[in-house]
């Protein structure tokens, strides 16, 4: 499923555009950067509540399709600008992390 379809299906707000036509292989949920670096795979969509600058660096390093921030959490303008510069889609969901994961799982399951 393409990221743009997930954005529409989950009603995500786009803060940094990036390549929303990329295919999402799966998703990874963690708030520990070291865990994401160790476990996320290229093409995964990262779901988290972290909002600091390092999330962009980790997403770039792991070649993730984007970052979804749960609970309506908004990063600083500097983080948004860095995501734009690096081409990392930065998205917001108003739902709690658990619910975003469940909704995304159902959406991906319907697709495949």
N, C-alpha and C. Protein backbone atom coordinates (compact mmCIF):
# COMPACT_ATOMS: atom_id res chain seq x y z
N UNK A 1 0.85 -1.17 0.00
CA UNK A 1 0.00 0.00 0.00
C UNK A 1 0.90 1.24 0.00
N UNK A 2 0.52 2.22 -0.75
CA UNK A 2 1.30 3.45 -0.82
C UNK A 2 0.99 4.34 0.39
N UNK A 3 1.99 5.13 0.77
CA UNK A 3 1.84 6.01 1.93
C UNK A 3 0.67 6.96 1.75
N UNK A 4 0.46 7.48 0.56
CA UNK A 4 -0.65 8.42 0.35
C UNK A 4 -2.00 7.76 0.64
N UNK A 5 -2.13 6.45 0.39
CA UNK A 5 -3.36 5.73 0.70
C UNK A 5 -3.55 5.58 2.20
N UNK A 6 -2.45 5.38 2.92
CA UNK A 6 -2.52 5.30 4.38
C UNK A 6 -2.89 6.65 4.96
N UNK A 7 -2.30 7.70 4.42
CA UNK A 7 -2.62 9.06 4.88
C UNK A 7 -4.12 9.31 4.76
N UNK A 8 -4.66 8.95 3.61
CA UNK A 8 -6.10 9.14 3.39
C UNK A 8 -6.93 8.22 4.26
N UNK A 9 -6.53 6.94 4.32
CA UNK A 9 -7.30 5.95 5.07
C UNK A 9 -7.34 6.20 6.56
N UNK A 10 -6.29 6.78 7.10
CA UNK A 10 -6.23 7.06 8.54
C UNK A 10 -6.53 8.52 8.87
N UNK A 11 -6.72 9.34 7.84
CA UNK A 11 -6.99 10.76 8.08
C UNK A 11 -5.82 11.47 8.73
N UNK A 12 -4.60 11.17 8.29
CA UNK A 12 -3.41 11.78 8.88
C UNK A 12 -3.19 13.19 8.34
N UNK A 13 -2.68 14.05 9.19
CA UNK A 13 -2.31 15.41 8.80
C UNK A 13 -0.84 15.39 8.36
N UNK A 14 -0.57 15.98 7.22
CA UNK A 14 0.78 16.00 6.68
C UNK A 14 1.49 17.28 7.11
N UNK A 15 2.60 17.13 7.83
CA UNK A 15 3.41 18.28 8.22
C UNK A 15 4.58 18.48 7.27
N UNK A 16 5.20 17.37 6.86
CA UNK A 16 6.29 17.40 5.89
C UNK A 16 5.95 16.37 4.82
N UNK A 17 5.96 16.80 3.59
CA UNK A 17 5.46 16.00 2.49
C UNK A 17 6.33 14.78 2.18
N UNK A 18 7.54 14.96 1.77
CA UNK A 18 8.36 13.82 1.37
C UNK A 18 7.72 13.06 0.22
N UNK A 19 8.12 11.81 0.05
CA UNK A 19 7.61 10.97 -1.05
C UNK A 19 6.45 10.13 -0.54
N UNK A 20 5.24 10.64 -0.72
CA UNK A 20 4.05 9.92 -0.25
C UNK A 20 3.60 8.85 -1.24
N UNK A 21 4.29 8.73 -2.37
CA UNK A 21 3.98 7.67 -3.34
C UNK A 21 4.75 6.38 -3.05
N UNK A 22 5.62 6.41 -2.06
CA UNK A 22 6.39 5.20 -1.71
C UNK A 22 5.49 4.11 -1.18
N UNK A 23 5.89 2.90 -1.46
CA UNK A 23 5.19 1.73 -0.94
C UNK A 23 5.59 1.51 0.52
N UNK A 24 4.61 1.25 1.37
CA UNK A 24 4.87 0.94 2.77
C UNK A 24 4.90 -0.58 2.90
N UNK A 25 6.02 -1.12 3.33
CA UNK A 25 6.16 -2.57 3.48
C UNK A 25 5.45 -3.07 4.72
N UNK A 26 5.64 -2.37 5.82
CA UNK A 26 5.04 -2.73 7.10
C UNK A 26 5.18 -1.53 8.01
N UNK A 27 4.96 -1.69 9.29
CA UNK A 27 5.08 -0.59 10.23
C UNK A 27 5.93 -1.03 11.42
N UNK A 28 6.49 -0.04 12.10
CA UNK A 28 7.29 -0.30 13.29
C UNK A 28 6.87 0.71 14.34
N UNK A 29 6.62 0.23 15.56
CA UNK A 29 6.19 1.10 16.64
C UNK A 29 7.18 1.01 17.78
N UNK A 30 7.76 2.15 18.11
CA UNK A 30 8.67 2.22 19.25
C UNK A 30 8.97 3.68 19.55
N UNK A 31 9.25 3.94 20.80
CA UNK A 31 9.67 5.28 21.20
C UNK A 31 11.15 5.32 21.59
N UNK A 32 11.83 4.19 21.46
CA UNK A 32 13.26 4.13 21.73
C UNK A 32 14.02 4.18 20.41
N UNK A 33 14.81 5.21 20.22
CA UNK A 33 15.54 5.36 18.96
C UNK A 33 16.44 4.16 18.70
N UNK A 34 17.09 3.65 19.73
CA UNK A 34 17.98 2.50 19.55
C UNK A 34 17.20 1.27 19.10
N UNK A 35 15.98 1.12 19.57
CA UNK A 35 15.14 0.00 19.17
C UNK A 35 14.75 0.12 17.70
N UNK A 36 14.41 1.32 17.27
CA UNK A 36 14.06 1.54 15.87
C UNK A 36 15.27 1.28 14.98
N UNK A 37 16.43 1.76 15.40
CA UNK A 37 17.65 1.52 14.62
C UNK A 37 17.96 0.03 14.52
N UNK A 38 17.67 -0.72 15.56
CA UNK A 38 17.96 -2.15 15.56
C UNK A 38 16.89 -2.98 14.85
N UNK A 39 15.63 -2.53 14.92
CA UNK A 39 14.56 -3.41 14.46
C UNK A 39 13.77 -2.99 13.24
N UNK A 40 13.69 -1.72 12.95
CA UNK A 40 12.91 -1.27 11.80
C UNK A 40 13.61 -1.66 10.51
N UNK A 41 12.83 -1.93 9.50
CA UNK A 41 13.35 -2.32 8.20
C UNK A 41 13.10 -1.22 7.17
N UNK A 42 13.95 -1.11 6.17
CA UNK A 42 13.69 -0.12 5.10
C UNK A 42 12.28 -0.32 4.53
N UNK A 43 11.58 0.78 4.34
CA UNK A 43 10.22 0.72 3.82
C UNK A 43 9.15 0.66 4.89
N UNK A 44 9.55 0.53 6.17
CA UNK A 44 8.57 0.54 7.26
C UNK A 44 8.08 1.96 7.51
N UNK A 45 6.88 2.07 8.04
CA UNK A 45 6.32 3.34 8.51
C UNK A 45 6.46 3.34 10.02
N UNK A 46 7.08 4.38 10.58
CA UNK A 46 7.38 4.44 12.02
C UNK A 46 6.26 5.18 12.73
N UNK A 47 5.69 4.55 13.76
CA UNK A 47 4.67 5.15 14.60
C UNK A 47 5.27 5.40 15.97
N UNK A 48 5.13 6.63 16.48
CA UNK A 48 5.79 7.00 17.73
C UNK A 48 5.11 8.21 18.37
N UNK A 49 5.57 8.54 19.57
CA UNK A 49 5.17 9.81 20.20
C UNK A 49 6.38 10.71 20.39
N UNK A 50 7.54 10.27 19.94
CA UNK A 50 8.75 11.11 20.01
C UNK A 50 8.63 12.25 19.00
N UNK A 51 9.14 13.41 19.37
CA UNK A 51 9.01 14.56 18.47
C UNK A 51 10.28 15.38 18.32
N UNK A 52 11.40 14.87 18.80
CA UNK A 52 12.64 15.64 18.75
C UNK A 52 13.37 15.42 17.42
N UNK A 53 14.37 16.21 17.19
CA UNK A 53 15.09 16.23 15.91
C UNK A 53 15.64 14.87 15.50
N UNK A 54 16.03 14.05 16.46
CA UNK A 54 16.67 12.77 16.13
C UNK A 54 15.76 11.79 15.42
N UNK A 55 14.44 11.97 15.50
CA UNK A 55 13.55 11.05 14.79
C UNK A 55 13.77 11.14 13.28
N UNK A 56 14.07 12.32 12.80
CA UNK A 56 14.31 12.50 11.36
C UNK A 56 15.58 11.78 10.95
N UNK A 57 16.61 11.90 11.76
CA UNK A 57 17.88 11.24 11.45
C UNK A 57 17.73 9.72 11.43
N UNK A 58 16.99 9.18 12.39
CA UNK A 58 16.79 7.73 12.44
C UNK A 58 15.96 7.27 11.24
N UNK A 59 14.91 8.00 10.90
CA UNK A 59 14.08 7.64 9.74
C UNK A 59 14.90 7.65 8.46
N UNK A 60 15.78 8.62 8.32
CA UNK A 60 16.65 8.71 7.15
C UNK A 60 17.65 7.55 7.13
N UNK A 61 18.28 7.31 8.27
CA UNK A 61 19.26 6.24 8.39
C UNK A 61 18.66 4.88 8.02
N UNK A 62 17.44 4.63 8.45
CA UNK A 62 16.79 3.33 8.22
C UNK A 62 15.98 3.28 6.93
N UNK A 63 15.94 4.38 6.17
CA UNK A 63 15.17 4.46 4.93
C UNK A 63 13.70 4.11 5.16
N UNK A 64 13.12 4.73 6.20
CA UNK A 64 11.71 4.51 6.52
C UNK A 64 10.83 5.34 5.59
N UNK A 65 9.61 4.88 5.38
CA UNK A 65 8.71 5.61 4.47
C UNK A 65 8.14 6.87 5.09
N UNK A 66 8.19 6.97 6.40
CA UNK A 66 7.70 8.17 7.06
C UNK A 66 7.57 7.95 8.55
N UNK A 67 7.14 9.01 9.22
CA UNK A 67 6.95 8.99 10.68
C UNK A 67 5.54 9.47 10.98
N UNK A 68 4.82 8.70 11.78
CA UNK A 68 3.50 9.10 12.25
C UNK A 68 3.60 9.41 13.74
N UNK A 69 3.26 10.63 14.10
CA UNK A 69 3.22 11.03 15.51
C UNK A 69 1.79 10.88 16.00
N UNK A 70 1.61 10.14 17.08
CA UNK A 70 0.28 9.88 17.63
C UNK A 70 -0.12 10.96 18.64
N UNK A 71 -1.36 10.90 19.10
CA UNK A 71 -1.92 11.77 20.14
C UNK A 71 -1.90 13.24 19.77
N UNK A 72 -1.83 13.55 18.48
CA UNK A 72 -1.83 14.94 18.05
C UNK A 72 -0.55 15.68 18.42
N UNK A 73 0.49 14.94 18.75
CA UNK A 73 1.76 15.55 19.14
C UNK A 73 2.37 16.29 17.96
N UNK A 74 2.78 17.53 18.21
CA UNK A 74 3.37 18.36 17.15
C UNK A 74 4.82 18.65 17.47
N UNK A 75 5.68 18.39 16.52
CA UNK A 75 7.10 18.71 16.71
C UNK A 75 7.34 20.20 16.47
N UNK A 76 8.54 20.64 16.79
CA UNK A 76 8.90 22.03 16.53
C UNK A 76 9.01 22.29 15.03
N UNK A 77 9.01 23.55 14.67
CA UNK A 77 9.17 23.92 13.26
C UNK A 77 10.53 23.48 12.72
N UNK A 78 11.53 23.43 13.59
CA UNK A 78 12.86 22.97 13.18
C UNK A 78 12.83 21.50 12.76
N UNK A 79 12.08 20.69 13.49
CA UNK A 79 11.95 19.27 13.15
C UNK A 79 11.21 19.12 11.82
N UNK A 80 10.15 19.89 11.64
CA UNK A 80 9.38 19.84 10.39
C UNK A 80 10.28 20.25 9.22
N UNK A 81 11.03 21.32 9.40
CA UNK A 81 11.93 21.79 8.34
C UNK A 81 13.00 20.75 8.01
N UNK A 82 13.53 20.08 9.02
CA UNK A 82 14.53 19.04 8.80
C UNK A 82 13.92 17.86 8.05
N UNK A 83 12.71 17.48 8.40
CA UNK A 83 12.03 16.38 7.70
C UNK A 83 11.80 16.74 6.23
N UNK A 84 11.38 17.98 5.99
CA UNK A 84 11.20 18.44 4.60
C UNK A 84 12.52 18.36 3.85
N UNK A 85 13.58 18.87 4.46
CA UNK A 85 14.90 18.88 3.82
C UNK A 85 15.38 17.47 3.49
N UNK A 86 15.13 16.53 4.39
CA UNK A 86 15.58 15.15 4.23
C UNK A 86 14.60 14.31 3.41
N UNK A 87 13.42 14.87 3.09
CA UNK A 87 12.44 14.13 2.29
C UNK A 87 11.71 13.05 3.07
N UNK A 88 11.59 13.24 4.38
CA UNK A 88 10.91 12.28 5.25
C UNK A 88 9.49 12.77 5.52
N UNK A 89 8.47 12.04 5.07
CA UNK A 89 7.11 12.43 5.41
C UNK A 89 6.89 12.41 6.92
N UNK A 90 6.36 13.50 7.44
CA UNK A 90 6.09 13.65 8.87
C UNK A 90 4.59 13.86 9.00
N UNK A 91 3.93 12.95 9.71
CA UNK A 91 2.47 12.90 9.74
C UNK A 91 1.98 12.90 11.18
N UNK A 92 0.75 13.37 11.37
CA UNK A 92 0.15 13.41 12.70
C UNK A 92 -1.20 12.70 12.69
N UNK A 93 -1.42 11.91 13.73
CA UNK A 93 -2.74 11.33 14.00
C UNK A 93 -3.21 11.86 15.35
N UNK A 94 -4.47 12.12 15.45
CA UNK A 94 -5.04 12.58 16.71
C UNK A 94 -5.28 11.41 17.67
N UNK A 95 -5.26 10.19 17.17
CA UNK A 95 -5.54 9.02 17.99
C UNK A 95 -4.35 8.62 18.85
N UNK A 96 -4.60 7.95 19.97
CA UNK A 96 -3.50 7.41 20.78
C UNK A 96 -2.72 6.37 19.96
N UNK A 97 -1.50 6.13 20.34
CA UNK A 97 -0.62 5.24 19.59
C UNK A 97 -1.22 3.85 19.40
N UNK A 98 -1.80 3.29 20.44
CA UNK A 98 -2.40 1.96 20.34
C UNK A 98 -3.47 1.93 19.26
N UNK A 99 -4.30 2.95 19.22
CA UNK A 99 -5.38 2.99 18.24
C UNK A 99 -4.86 3.22 16.82
N UNK A 100 -3.84 4.05 16.67
CA UNK A 100 -3.24 4.26 15.35
C UNK A 100 -2.69 2.93 14.83
N UNK A 101 -2.02 2.19 15.69
CA UNK A 101 -1.47 0.88 15.30
C UNK A 101 -2.59 -0.06 14.86
N UNK A 102 -3.65 -0.12 15.62
CA UNK A 102 -4.77 -0.99 15.28
C UNK A 102 -5.43 -0.61 13.97
N UNK A 103 -5.65 0.68 13.77
CA UNK A 103 -6.26 1.15 12.53
C UNK A 103 -5.36 0.88 11.33
N UNK A 104 -4.06 1.09 11.50
CA UNK A 104 -3.14 0.84 10.40
C UNK A 104 -3.07 -0.65 10.09
N UNK A 105 -3.05 -1.48 11.11
CA UNK A 105 -3.03 -2.92 10.90
C UNK A 105 -4.25 -3.35 10.09
N UNK A 106 -5.42 -2.88 10.47
CA UNK A 106 -6.65 -3.23 9.74
C UNK A 106 -6.59 -2.76 8.29
N UNK A 107 -6.07 -1.56 8.09
CA UNK A 107 -5.95 -1.02 6.73
C UNK A 107 -5.00 -1.86 5.88
N UNK A 108 -3.86 -2.22 6.44
CA UNK A 108 -2.90 -3.03 5.72
C UNK A 108 -3.43 -4.45 5.47
N UNK A 109 -4.17 -4.98 6.44
CA UNK A 109 -4.73 -6.32 6.31
C UNK A 109 -5.76 -6.36 5.19
N UNK A 110 -6.58 -5.30 5.07
CA UNK A 110 -7.58 -5.22 3.99
C UNK A 110 -6.90 -5.24 2.63
N UNK A 111 -5.75 -4.58 2.56
CA UNK A 111 -5.03 -4.45 1.29
C UNK A 111 -4.43 -5.77 0.85
N UNK A 112 -3.96 -6.55 1.83
CA UNK A 112 -3.17 -7.63 1.39
C UNK A 112 -3.38 -9.00 1.81
